[in-house]
C-alpha atoms as a PDB file:
ATOM      1  CA  MET A   1      82.522 -97.091 155.747  1.00  0.00           C
ATOM      2  CA  SER A   2      82.211-100.624 154.463  1.00  0.00           C
ATOM      3  CA  SER A   3      78.617-100.819 155.725  1.00  0.00           C
ATOM      4  CA  ASN A   4      77.812 -97.888 153.423  1.00  0.00           C
ATOM      5  CA  LEU A   5      79.724 -99.468 150.519  1.00  0.00           C
ATOM      6  CA  LEU A   6      82.409 -96.788 150.732  1.00  0.00           C
ATOM      7  CA  CYS A   7      86.125 -97.217 150.206  1.00  0.00           C
ATOM      8  CA  LEU A   8      88.832 -95.053 151.773  1.00  0.00           C
ATOM      9  CA  ASN A   9      91.070 -93.208 149.322  1.00  0.00           C
ATOM     10  CA  PRO A  10      94.189 -92.109 151.280  1.00  0.00           C
ATOM     11  CA  SER A  11      95.340 -89.695 148.563  1.00  0.00           C
ATOM     12  CA  LYS A  12      92.070 -87.742 148.733  1.00  0.00           C
ATOM     13  CA  THR A  13      91.349 -88.004 152.460  1.00  0.00           C
ATOM     14  CA  GLU A  14      92.165 -85.148 154.817  1.00  0.00           C
ATOM     15  CA  PHE A  15      90.806 -83.893 158.102  1.00  0.00           C
ATOM     16  CA  ILE A  16      91.037 -80.749 160.191  1.00  0.00           C
ATOM     17  CA  ILE A  17      90.706 -79.928 163.883  1.00  0.00           C
ATOM     18  CA  LEU A  18      88.569 -76.862 164.571  1.00  0.00           C
ATOM     19  CA  GLY A  19      88.924 -74.752 167.684  1.00  0.00           C
ATOM     20  CA  LEU A  20      90.701 -71.876 169.350  1.00  0.00           C
ATOM     21  CA  PRO A  21      94.521 -71.765 169.192  1.00  0.00           C
ATOM     22  CA  ASP A  22      94.866 -72.594 172.899  1.00  0.00           C
ATOM     23  CA  GLN A  23      92.492 -75.524 172.551  1.00  0.00           C
ATOM     24  CA  ILE A  24      94.316 -76.983 169.545  1.00  0.00           C
ATOM     25  CA  LYS A  25      97.673 -76.744 171.328  1.00  0.00           C
ATOM     26  CA  LYS A  26      96.365 -79.033 174.082  1.00  0.00           C
ATOM     27  CA  ILE A  27      95.935 -81.930 171.625  1.00  0.00           C
ATOM     28  CA  PRO A  28      99.072 -84.098 171.997  1.00  0.00           C
ATOM     29  CA  ASP A  29      98.697 -86.086 168.792  1.00  0.00           C
ATOM     30  CA  PRO A  30      96.722 -84.299 166.025  1.00  0.00           C
ATOM     31  CA  SER A  31      96.370 -87.407 163.889  1.00  0.00           C
ATOM     32  CA  ILE A  32      93.995 -90.308 163.415  1.00  0.00           C
ATOM     33  CA  HIS A  33      94.664 -93.951 162.609  1.00  0.00           C
ATOM     34  CA  LEU A  34      92.326 -95.836 160.307  1.00  0.00           C
ATOM     35  CA  SER A  35      92.674 -99.521 159.555  1.00  0.00           C
ATOM     36  CA  THR A  36      91.107-101.551 156.787  1.00  0.00           C
ATOM     37  CA  ASN A  37      91.217-105.239 156.018  1.00  0.00           C
ATOM     38  CA  SER A  38      94.372-104.885 153.963  1.00  0.00           C
ATOM     39  CA  SER A  39      96.197-101.819 155.277  1.00  0.00           C
ATOM     40  CA  SER A  40      96.483 -99.153 157.949  1.00  0.00           C
ATOM     41  CA  HIS A  41      96.657 -95.410 157.346  1.00  0.00           C
ATOM     42  CA  ILE A  42      97.683 -92.444 159.480  1.00  0.00           C
ATOM     43  CA  PHE A  43      96.218 -89.025 158.695  1.00  0.00           C
ATOM     44  CA  THR A  44      97.624 -85.809 160.149  1.00  0.00           C
ATOM     45  CA  SER A  45      95.500 -82.726 160.612  1.00  0.00           C
ATOM     46  CA  ASP A  46      95.868 -80.469 157.592  1.00  0.00           C
ATOM     47  CA  SER A  47      95.401 -76.719 157.518  1.00  0.00           C
ATOM     48  CA  PRO A  48      93.635 -75.599 155.484  1.00  0.00           C
ATOM     49  CA  VAL A  49      91.363 -78.192 153.880  1.00  0.00           C
ATOM     50  CA  ARG A  50      88.977 -77.829 150.964  1.00  0.00           C
ATOM     51  CA  ASN A  51      85.424 -79.161 150.856  1.00  0.00           C
ATOM     52  CA  LEU A  52      82.788 -78.399 148.209  1.00  0.00           C
ATOM     53  CA  GLY A  53      84.873 -75.491 146.939  1.00  0.00           C
ATOM     54  CA  ILE A  54      85.262 -73.854 150.371  1.00  0.00           C
ATOM     55  CA  THR A  55      88.643 -73.649 152.107  1.00  0.00           C
ATOM     56  CA  PHE A  56      88.390 -74.223 155.858  1.00  0.00           C
ATOM     57  CA  ASP A  57      91.038 -73.250 158.396  1.00  0.00           C
ATOM     58  CA  PRO A  58      91.222 -74.412 162.041  1.00  0.00           C
ATOM     59  CA  HIS A  59      89.776 -71.158 163.389  1.00  0.00           C
ATOM     60  CA  LEU A  60      87.053 -70.754 160.737  1.00  0.00           C
ATOM     61  CA  SER A  61      88.327 -67.302 159.832  1.00  0.00           C
ATOM     62  CA  PHE A  62      88.063 -68.195 156.114  1.00  0.00           C
ATOM     63  CA  SER A  63      91.094 -66.016 155.466  1.00  0.00           C
ATOM     64  CA  ASN A  64      92.592 -68.545 153.050  1.00  0.00           C
ATOM     65  CA  HIS A  65      89.297 -68.985 151.247  1.00  0.00           C
ATOM     66  CA  ILE A  66      88.815 -65.229 150.819  1.00  0.00           C
ATOM     67  CA  SER A  67      92.378 -64.905 149.511  1.00  0.00           C
ATOM     68  CA  ASN A  68      91.690 -67.561 146.877  1.00  0.00           C
ATOM     69  CA  LEU A  69      88.348 -65.963 146.090  1.00  0.00           C
ATOM     70  CA  SER A  70      89.974 -62.546 145.690  1.00  0.00           C
ATOM     71  CA  ARG A  71      92.527 -63.840 143.206  1.00  0.00           C
ATOM     72  CA  SER A  72      89.835 -65.498 141.121  1.00  0.00           C
ATOM     73  CA  CYS A  73      87.421 -62.538 141.180  1.00  0.00           C
ATOM     74  CA  PHE A  74      90.021 -59.877 140.437  1.00  0.00           C
ATOM     75  CA  MET A  75      91.219 -61.921 137.470  1.00  0.00           C
ATOM     76  CA  HIS A  76      87.691 -61.810 136.017  1.00  0.00           C
ATOM     77  CA  ILE A  77      87.360 -58.111 136.866  1.00  0.00           C
ATOM     78  CA  ARG A  78      90.576 -57.325 134.974  1.00  0.00           C
ATOM     79  CA  ASP A  79      89.267 -59.246 131.975  1.00  0.00           C
ATOM     80  CA  LEU A  80      85.989 -57.337 132.184  1.00  0.00           C
ATOM     81  CA  ARG A  81      87.842 -54.007 132.202  1.00  0.00           C
ATOM     82  CA  ARG A  82      89.690 -54.970 129.034  1.00  0.00           C
ATOM     83  CA  ILE A  83      86.518 -55.689 127.073  1.00  0.00           C
ATOM     84  CA  ARG A  84      84.287 -53.114 128.792  1.00  0.00           C
ATOM     85  CA  PRO A  85      84.631 -50.470 126.000  1.00  0.00           C
ATOM     86  CA  MET A  86      83.086 -52.956 123.570  1.00  0.00           C
ATOM     87  CA  LEU A  87      80.114 -53.819 125.806  1.00  0.00           C
ATOM     88  CA  ASP A  88      76.915 -51.957 126.561  1.00  0.00           C
ATOM     89  CA  PHE A  89      75.913 -51.374 130.163  1.00  0.00           C
ATOM     90  CA  LYS A  90      73.354 -54.193 130.352  1.00  0.00           C
ATOM     91  CA  THR A  91      75.772 -56.800 128.986  1.00  0.00           C
ATOM     92  CA  ALA A  92      78.561 -55.713 131.327  1.00  0.00           C
ATOM     93  CA  SER A  93      76.193 -55.851 134.315  1.00  0.00           C
ATOM     94  CA  THR A  94      75.009 -59.341 133.312  1.00  0.00           C
ATOM     95  CA  ILE A  95      78.580 -60.608 133.022  1.00  0.00           C
ATOM     96  CA  ALA A  96      79.468 -59.135 136.418  1.00  0.00           C
ATOM     97  CA  THR A  97      76.463 -60.736 138.085  1.00  0.00           C
ATOM     98  CA  SER A  98      76.827 -64.166 136.500  1.00  0.00           C
ATOM     99  CA  ILE A  99      80.594 -64.568 136.908  1.00  0.00           C
ATOM    100  CA  VAL A 100      81.790 -62.562 139.908  1.00  0.00           C
ATOM    101  CA  HIS A 101      78.672 -62.186 142.047  1.00  0.00           C
ATOM    102  CA  SER A 102      77.983 -65.888 141.755  1.00  0.00           C
ATOM    103  CA  LYS A 103      81.389 -66.525 143.333  1.00  0.00           C
ATOM    104  CA  LEU A 104      80.761 -64.010 146.111  1.00  0.00           C
ATOM    105  CA  ASP A 105      77.368 -65.540 146.880  1.00  0.00           C
ATOM    106  CA  TYR A 106      78.471 -69.177 146.850  1.00  0.00           C
ATOM    107  CA  CYS A 107      78.053 -70.557 150.397  1.00  0.00           C
ATOM    108  CA  ASN A 108      78.230 -67.000 151.745  1.00  0.00           C
ATOM    109  CA  SER A 109      76.059 -67.972 154.718  1.00  0.00           C
ATOM    110  CA  LEU A 110      79.324 -69.298 156.198  1.00  0.00           C
ATOM    111  CA  PHE A 111      80.466 -65.675 156.471  1.00  0.00           C
ATOM    112  CA  LEU A 112      77.677 -64.789 158.905  1.00  0.00           C
ATOM    113  CA  ASN A 113      79.092 -62.692 161.778  1.00  0.00           C
ATOM    114  CA  LEU A 114      82.576 -63.055 160.341  1.00  0.00           C
ATOM    115  CA  GLU A 115      85.265 -60.588 161.439  1.00  0.00           C
ATOM    116  CA  SER A 116      84.850 -57.159 159.877  1.00  0.00           C
ATOM    117  CA  THR A 117      88.338 -57.288 158.357  1.00  0.00           C
ATOM    118  CA  GLN A 118      87.363 -60.303 156.249  1.00  0.00           C
ATOM    119  CA  ILE A 119      84.016 -58.765 155.267  1.00  0.00           C
ATOM    120  CA  LYS A 120      85.857 -55.638 154.091  1.00  0.00           C
ATOM    121  CA  ARG A 121      88.030 -57.792 151.832  1.00  0.00           C
ATOM    122  CA  LEU A 122      84.892 -59.179 150.200  1.00  0.00           C
ATOM    123  CA  GLN A 123      83.429 -55.682 149.906  1.00  0.00           C
ATOM    124  CA  LEU A 124      86.560 -54.502 148.077  1.00  0.00           C
ATOM    125  CA  ILE A 125      85.882 -57.126 145.413  1.00  0.00           C
ATOM    126  CA  GLN A 126      82.339 -55.860 144.879  1.00  0.00           C
ATOM    127  CA  ASN A 127      83.520 -52.232 144.844  1.00  0.00           C
ATOM    128  CA  SER A 128      86.069 -53.006 142.160  1.00  0.00           C
ATOM    129  CA  LEU A 129      83.437 -54.880 140.172  1.00  0.00           C
ATOM    130  CA  ALA A 130      81.047 -51.919 140.333  1.00  0.00           C
ATOM    131  CA  ARG A 131      83.767 -49.567 139.070  1.00  0.00           C
ATOM    132  CA  ALA A 132      84.507 -51.909 136.182  1.00  0.00           C
ATOM    133  CA  VAL A 133      80.833 -52.105 135.161  1.00  0.00           C
ATOM    134  CA  THR A 134      80.164 -48.365 135.399  1.00  0.00           C
ATOM    135  CA  ARG A 135      83.682 -47.315 134.292  1.00  0.00           C
ATOM    136  CA  THR A 136      83.967 -45.129 137.380  1.00  0.00           C
ATOM    137  CA  PRO A 137      87.374 -43.701 138.444  1.00  0.00           C
ATOM    138  CA  LYS A 138      88.892 -44.915 141.692  1.00  0.00           C
ATOM    139  CA  HIS A 139      88.625 -41.546 143.446  1.00  0.00           C
ATOM    140  CA  HIS A 140      84.814 -41.466 143.119  1.00  0.00           C
ATOM    141  CA  HIS A 141      82.727 -42.450 146.133  1.00  0.00           C
ATOM    142  CA  ILE A 142      81.542 -46.032 145.676  1.00  0.00           C
ATOM    143  CA  THR A 143      78.288 -46.043 147.685  1.00  0.00           C
ATOM    144  CA  PRO A 144      76.219 -44.052 145.106  1.00  0.00           C
ATOM    145  CA  ILE A 145      77.559 -46.375 142.402  1.00  0.00           C
ATOM    146  CA  LEU A 146      76.483 -49.507 144.253  1.00  0.00           C
ATOM    147  CA  LYS A 147      73.097 -47.950 144.914  1.00  0.00           C
ATOM    148  CA  SER A 148      72.621 -47.030 141.253  1.00  0.00           C
ATOM    149  CA  LEU A 149      73.367 -50.643 140.300  1.00  0.00           C
ATOM    150  CA  HIS A 150      70.805 -51.763 142.900  1.00  0.00           C
ATOM    151  CA  TRP A 151      73.326 -54.190 144.404  1.00  0.00           C
ATOM    152  CA  LEU A 152      73.124 -55.255 148.016  1.00  0.00           C
ATOM    153  CA  LYS A 153      76.372 -54.807 149.902  1.00  0.00           C
ATOM    154  CA  ILE A 154      78.220 -57.867 151.169  1.00  0.00           C
ATOM    155  CA  PRO A 155      76.730 -57.937 154.728  1.00  0.00           C
ATOM    156  CA  GLU A 156      73.207 -57.613 153.344  1.00  0.00           C
ATOM    157  CA  ARG A 157      73.880 -60.325 150.757  1.00  0.00           C
ATOM    158  CA  ILE A 158      74.889 -62.649 153.590  1.00  0.00           C
ATOM    159  CA  HIS A 159      71.737 -61.768 155.532  1.00  0.00           C
ATOM    160  CA  PHE A 160      69.658 -62.311 152.389  1.00  0.00           C
ATOM    161  CA  LYS A 161      71.038 -65.842 152.028  1.00  0.00           C
ATOM    162  CA  VAL A 162      70.527 -66.722 155.708  1.00  0.00           C
ATOM    163  CA  LEU A 163      66.973 -65.345 155.791  1.00  0.00           C
ATOM    164  CA  SER A 164      66.156 -67.101 152.526  1.00  0.00           C
ATOM    165  CA  LEU A 165      67.346 -70.426 153.957  1.00  0.00           C
ATOM    166  CA  THR A 166      65.362 -69.765 157.128  1.00  0.00           C
ATOM    167  CA  TYR A 167      62.183 -68.974 155.202  1.00  0.00           C
ATOM    168  CA  ASN A 168      62.475 -72.057 152.980  1.00  0.00           C
ATOM    169  CA  SER A 169      63.108 -74.370 155.923  1.00  0.00           C
ATOM    170  CA  LEU A 170      60.135 -72.954 157.868  1.00  0.00           C
ATOM    171  CA  GLN A 171      57.774 -72.976 154.906  1.00  0.00           C
ATOM    172  CA  CYS A 172      58.655 -76.429 153.556  1.00  0.00           C
ATOM    173  CA  SER A 173      60.188 -78.097 156.648  1.00  0.00           C
ATOM    174  CA  GLN A 174      63.082 -79.046 154.381  1.00  0.00           C
ATOM    175  CA  PRO A 175      65.918 -79.786 154.665  1.00  0.00           C
ATOM    176  CA  LYS A 176      65.147 -81.537 157.935  1.00  0.00           C
ATOM    177  CA  TYR A 177      68.611 -81.037 159.433  1.00  0.00           C
ATOM    178  CA  LEU A 178      68.196 -77.272 159.022  1.00  0.00           C
ATOM    179  CA  ARG A 179      64.545 -77.182 160.075  1.00  0.00           C
ATOM    180  CA  ASP A 180      65.388 -78.969 163.316  1.00  0.00           C
ATOM    181  CA  LEU A 181      67.633 -76.070 164.311  1.00  0.00           C
ATOM    182  CA  PHE A 182      64.687 -73.662 164.555  1.00  0.00           C
ATOM    183  CA  THR A 183      61.973 -73.628 167.194  1.00  0.00           C
ATOM    184  CA  ILE A 184      58.750 -71.699 166.664  1.00  0.00           C
ATOM    185  CA  GLN A 185      57.828 -69.666 169.707  1.00  0.00           C
ATOM    186  CA  PRO A 186      54.330 -70.474 171.022  1.00  0.00           C
ATOM    187  CA  THR A 187      51.850 -67.697 170.276  1.00  0.00           C
ATOM    188  CA  ARG A 188      50.335 -65.454 172.926  1.00  0.00           C
ATOM    189  CA  SER A 189      47.467 -63.001 173.010  1.00  0.00           C
ATOM    190  CA  THR A 190      49.545 -60.020 171.999  1.00  0.00           C
ATOM    191  CA  ARG A 191      49.778 -57.676 169.056  1.00  0.00           C
ATOM    192  CA  SER A 192      52.368 -59.910 167.378  1.00  0.00           C
ATOM    193  CA  SER A 193      50.497 -63.168 168.039  1.00  0.00           C
ATOM    194  CA  SER A 194      49.691 -63.478 164.331  1.00  0.00           C
ATOM    195  CA  CYS A 195      53.399 -63.483 163.434  1.00  0.00           C
ATOM    196  CA  LEU A 196      55.849 -66.356 163.430  1.00  0.00           C
ATOM    197  CA  THR A 197      58.625 -65.775 165.934  1.00  0.00           C
ATOM    198  CA  LEU A 198      61.626 -68.016 166.473  1.00  0.00           C
ATOM    199  CA  SER A 199      62.988 -68.841 169.897  1.00  0.00           C
ATOM    200  CA  ARG A 200      66.662 -68.181 170.404  1.00  0.00           C
ATOM    201  CA  PRO A 201      68.524 -71.106 171.973  1.00  0.00           C
ATOM    202  CA  PRO A 202      70.311 -70.466 175.263  1.00  0.00           C
ATOM    203  CA  VAL A 203      73.899 -69.317 174.923  1.00  0.00           C
ATOM    204  CA  THR A 204      76.116 -72.041 176.327  1.00  0.00           C
ATOM    205  CA  SER A 205      79.419 -70.331 175.536  1.00  0.00           C
ATOM    206  CA  HIS A 206      80.838 -66.831 175.892  1.00  0.00           C
ATOM    207  CA  LEU A 207      83.006 -67.293 172.806  1.00  0.00           C
ATOM    208  CA  LYS A 208      82.223 -65.300 169.667  1.00  0.00           C
ATOM    209  CA  PHE A 209      82.924 -68.526 167.828  1.00  0.00           C
ATOM    210  CA  SER A 210      79.521 -69.924 168.835  1.00  0.00           C
ATOM    211  CA  ASN A 211      77.573 -66.784 167.872  1.00  0.00           C
ATOM    212  CA  ARG A 212      78.225 -67.524 164.206  1.00  0.00           C
ATOM    213  CA  ALA A 213      76.085 -70.667 164.299  1.00  0.00           C
ATOM    214  CA  ILE A 214      72.945 -70.286 162.208  1.00  0.00           C
ATOM    215  CA  SER A 215      70.851 -71.648 165.080  1.00  0.00           C
ATOM    216  CA  HIS A 216      71.843 -68.569 167.119  1.00  0.00           C
ATOM    217  CA  ALA A 217      72.085 -65.869 164.437  1.00  0.00           C
ATOM    218  CA  ALA A 218      69.138 -66.744 162.163  1.00  0.00           C
ATOM    219  CA  PRO A 219      66.404 -66.347 164.840  1.00  0.00           C
ATOM    220  CA  ARG A 220      67.676 -62.852 165.643  1.00  0.00           C
ATOM    221  CA  LEU A 221      67.674 -61.830 161.965  1.00  0.00           C
ATOM    222  CA  TRP A 222      64.247 -63.396 161.439  1.00  0.00           C
ATOM    223  CA  ASN A 223      62.626 -61.758 164.465  1.00  0.00           C
ATOM    224  CA  ASP A 224      63.968 -58.369 163.365  1.00  0.00           C
ATOM    225  CA  LEU A 225      62.050 -58.563 160.089  1.00  0.00           C
ATOM    226  CA  PRO A 226      58.887 -56.441 159.733  1.00  0.00           C
ATOM    227  CA  LEU A 227      55.634 -58.161 160.675  1.00  0.00           C
ATOM    228  CA  GLU A 228      54.486 -58.465 157.052  1.00  0.00           C
ATOM    229  CA  PHE A 229      57.241 -61.033 156.423  1.00  0.00           C
ATOM    230  CA  ARG A 230      56.201 -63.240 159.344  1.00  0.00           C
ATOM    231  CA  GLN A 231      52.412 -63.371 159.116  1.00  0.00           C
ATOM    232  CA  PHE A 232      50.855 -66.799 159.690  1.00  0.00           C
ATOM    233  CA  SER A 233      48.864 -68.312 156.852  1.00  0.00           C
ATOM    234  CA  VAL A 234      45.877 -68.799 159.182  1.00  0.00           C
ATOM    235  CA  PRO A 235      44.821 -66.415 161.947  1.00  0.00           C
ATOM    236  CA  ALA A 236      46.299 -67.064 165.377  1.00  0.00           C
ATOM    237  CA  PRO A 237      47.334 -70.741 165.164  1.00  0.00           C
ATOM    238  CA  SER A 238      47.785 -72.534 168.449  1.00  0.00           C
ATOM    239  CA  PHE A 239      51.271 -74.040 168.432  1.00  0.00           C
ATOM    240  CA  THR A 240      52.244 -75.711 171.647  1.00  0.00           C
ATOM    241  CA  ILE A 241      55.572 -76.907 172.919  1.00  0.00           C
ATOM    242  CA  THR A 242      54.905 -80.386 171.569  1.00  0.00           C
ATOM    243  CA  HIS A 243      53.625 -79.119 168.237  1.00  0.00           C
ATOM    244  CA  LEU A 244      56.482 -77.058 166.889  1.00  0.00           C
ATOM    245  CA  HIS A 245      56.386 -78.300 163.299  1.00  0.00           C
ATOM    246  CA  PRO A 246      53.060 -77.395 161.657  1.00  0.00           C
ATOM    247  CA  PRO A 247      51.994 -79.736 158.860  1.00  0.00           C
ATOM    248  CA  GLN A 248      51.010 -76.931 156.468  1.00  0.00           C
ATOM    249  CA  ALA A 249      53.061 -73.998 155.238  1.00  0.00           C
ATOM    250  CA  PRO A 250      52.945 -71.691 158.280  1.00  0.00           C
ATOM    251  CA  LEU A 251      53.599 -68.392 156.458  1.00  0.00           C
ATOM    252  CA  SER A 252      51.105 -66.561 154.281  1.00  0.00           C
ATOM    253  CA  ILE A 253      53.711 -64.802 152.123  1.00  0.00           C
ATOM    254  CA  THR A 254      54.718 -66.633 148.938  1.00  0.00           C
ATOM    255  CA  PRO A 255      58.374 -67.317 148.111  1.00  0.00           C
ATOM    256  CA  ARG A 256      58.440 -64.881 145.201  1.00  0.00           C
ATOM    257  CA  VAL A 257      56.928 -62.039 147.230  1.00  0.00           C
ATOM    258  CA  PHE A 258      59.102 -62.827 150.241  1.00  0.00           C
ATOM    259  CA  HIS A 259      62.377 -62.647 148.331  1.00  0.00           C
ATOM    260  CA  SER A 260      61.321 -59.537 146.423  1.00  0.00           C
ATOM    261  CA  LYS A 261      60.309 -57.672 149.569  1.00  0.00           C
ATOM    262  CA  LEU A 262      63.326 -58.975 151.454  1.00  0.00           C
ATOM    263  CA  LYS A 263      65.717 -57.500 148.913  1.00  0.00           C
ATOM    264  CA  SER A 264      63.882 -54.163 149.032  1.00  0.00           C
ATOM    265  CA  HIS A 265      63.969 -54.206 152.830  1.00  0.00           C
ATOM    266  CA  LEU A 266      67.699 -54.970 153.002  1.00  0.00           C
ATOM    267  CA  PHE A 267      68.379 -52.428 150.263  1.00  0.00           C
ATOM    268  CA  ARG A 268      66.731 -49.674 152.308  1.00  0.00           C
ATOM    269  CA  LEU A 269      68.744 -50.672 155.362  1.00  0.00           C
ATOM    270  CA  SER A 270      71.969 -50.742 153.383  1.00  0.00           C
ATOM    271  CA  TYR A 271      71.555 -47.301 151.810  1.00  0.00           C
ATOM    272  CA  SER A 272      69.372 -45.548 154.367  1.00  0.00           C
ATOM    273  CA  ASP A 273      71.897 -42.740 154.952  1.00  0.00           C
ATOM    274  CA  THR A 274      72.845 -42.057 151.333  1.00  0.00           C
ATOM    275  CA  LEU A 275      71.512 -39.592 148.806  1.00  0.00           C
ATOM    276  CA  ASP A 276      70.143 -40.545 145.440  1.00  0.00           C
ATOM    277  CA  PRO A 277      72.864 -41.502 142.939  1.00  0.00           C
ATOM    278  CA  PRO A 278      73.852 -39.110 140.152  1.00  0.00           C
ATOM    279  CA  SER A 279      71.509 -39.111 137.193  1.00  0.00           C
ATOM    280  CA  SER A 280      74.353 -40.013 134.804  1.00  0.00           C
ATOM    281  CA  ASN A 281      74.665 -43.451 136.365  1.00  0.00           C
ATOM    282  CA  SER A 282      71.046 -44.096 137.256  1.00  0.00           C
ATOM    283  CA  ARG A 283      69.232 -46.548 135.051  1.00  0.00           C
ATOM    284  CA  PRO A 284      66.255 -48.825 135.719  1.00  0.00           C
ATOM    285  CA  LYS A 285      67.685 -52.175 136.784  1.00  0.00           C
ATOM    286  CA  ARG A 286      66.259 -55.523 137.761  1.00  0.00           C
ATOM    287  CA  ASN A 287      69.429 -57.355 138.648  1.00  0.00           C
ATOM    288  CA  PRO A 288      69.416 -60.241 141.117  1.00  0.00           C
ATOM    289  CA  PRO A 289      70.756 -59.361 144.582  1.00  0.00           C
END
């Protein structure tokens, strides 16, 4: 730390051990000892810990974080309900998007492949928010309401964030630490040779824990996109094993078009089995996802 001109602050320093319950139990002394020129400090593993606004637990279930997020979001939803009679629809929708949705979307790529019980807790927040905006009773079915608001559901919002990060890292090769996680599959003389395909790394563990890594999940989501999202900027480039990072932007689709079409694509997947919403709630909307 001293080489980087950093100083240890014991009151603000905490650490956590991540792993399965059986693995953590095998650690005899879950603490670390750090010594400086003037003193020595002992830090014990804390659970949970907070970093950049996200609460981490040893098993990465994010149960504590979602509990904190629920309390904060439902507080804002209750406030919105109180003032909703004095607001028009557009203003209420803007408030919901800027205050509550921004909390739901913050670092939501961490929720990729999270347990369904935790995803349902996040979905309950969005359902309650939609009812507050549209002033819909609790006994009404929520799916037509969400569709009329043109809101992506929570799983699709997570996929939107992951695919957006994947696209930006492939197109700009930045940030480097994220770009290095993806490997472009060499092209072949096939129908899809003009499309960028990502190679999936070999699975080294049978634990579901490892399947949540973006290096494993993002290539699957990316390769499942329609071909129009993955077209190369030049016809049939010849990427070899030693040339996996093209110097130019490899994709022909622009960022604005990509994100617009991506939302439409995920929206169709999310509401593919639903009917059109009632005309009383349907309005033209251009809300962010």
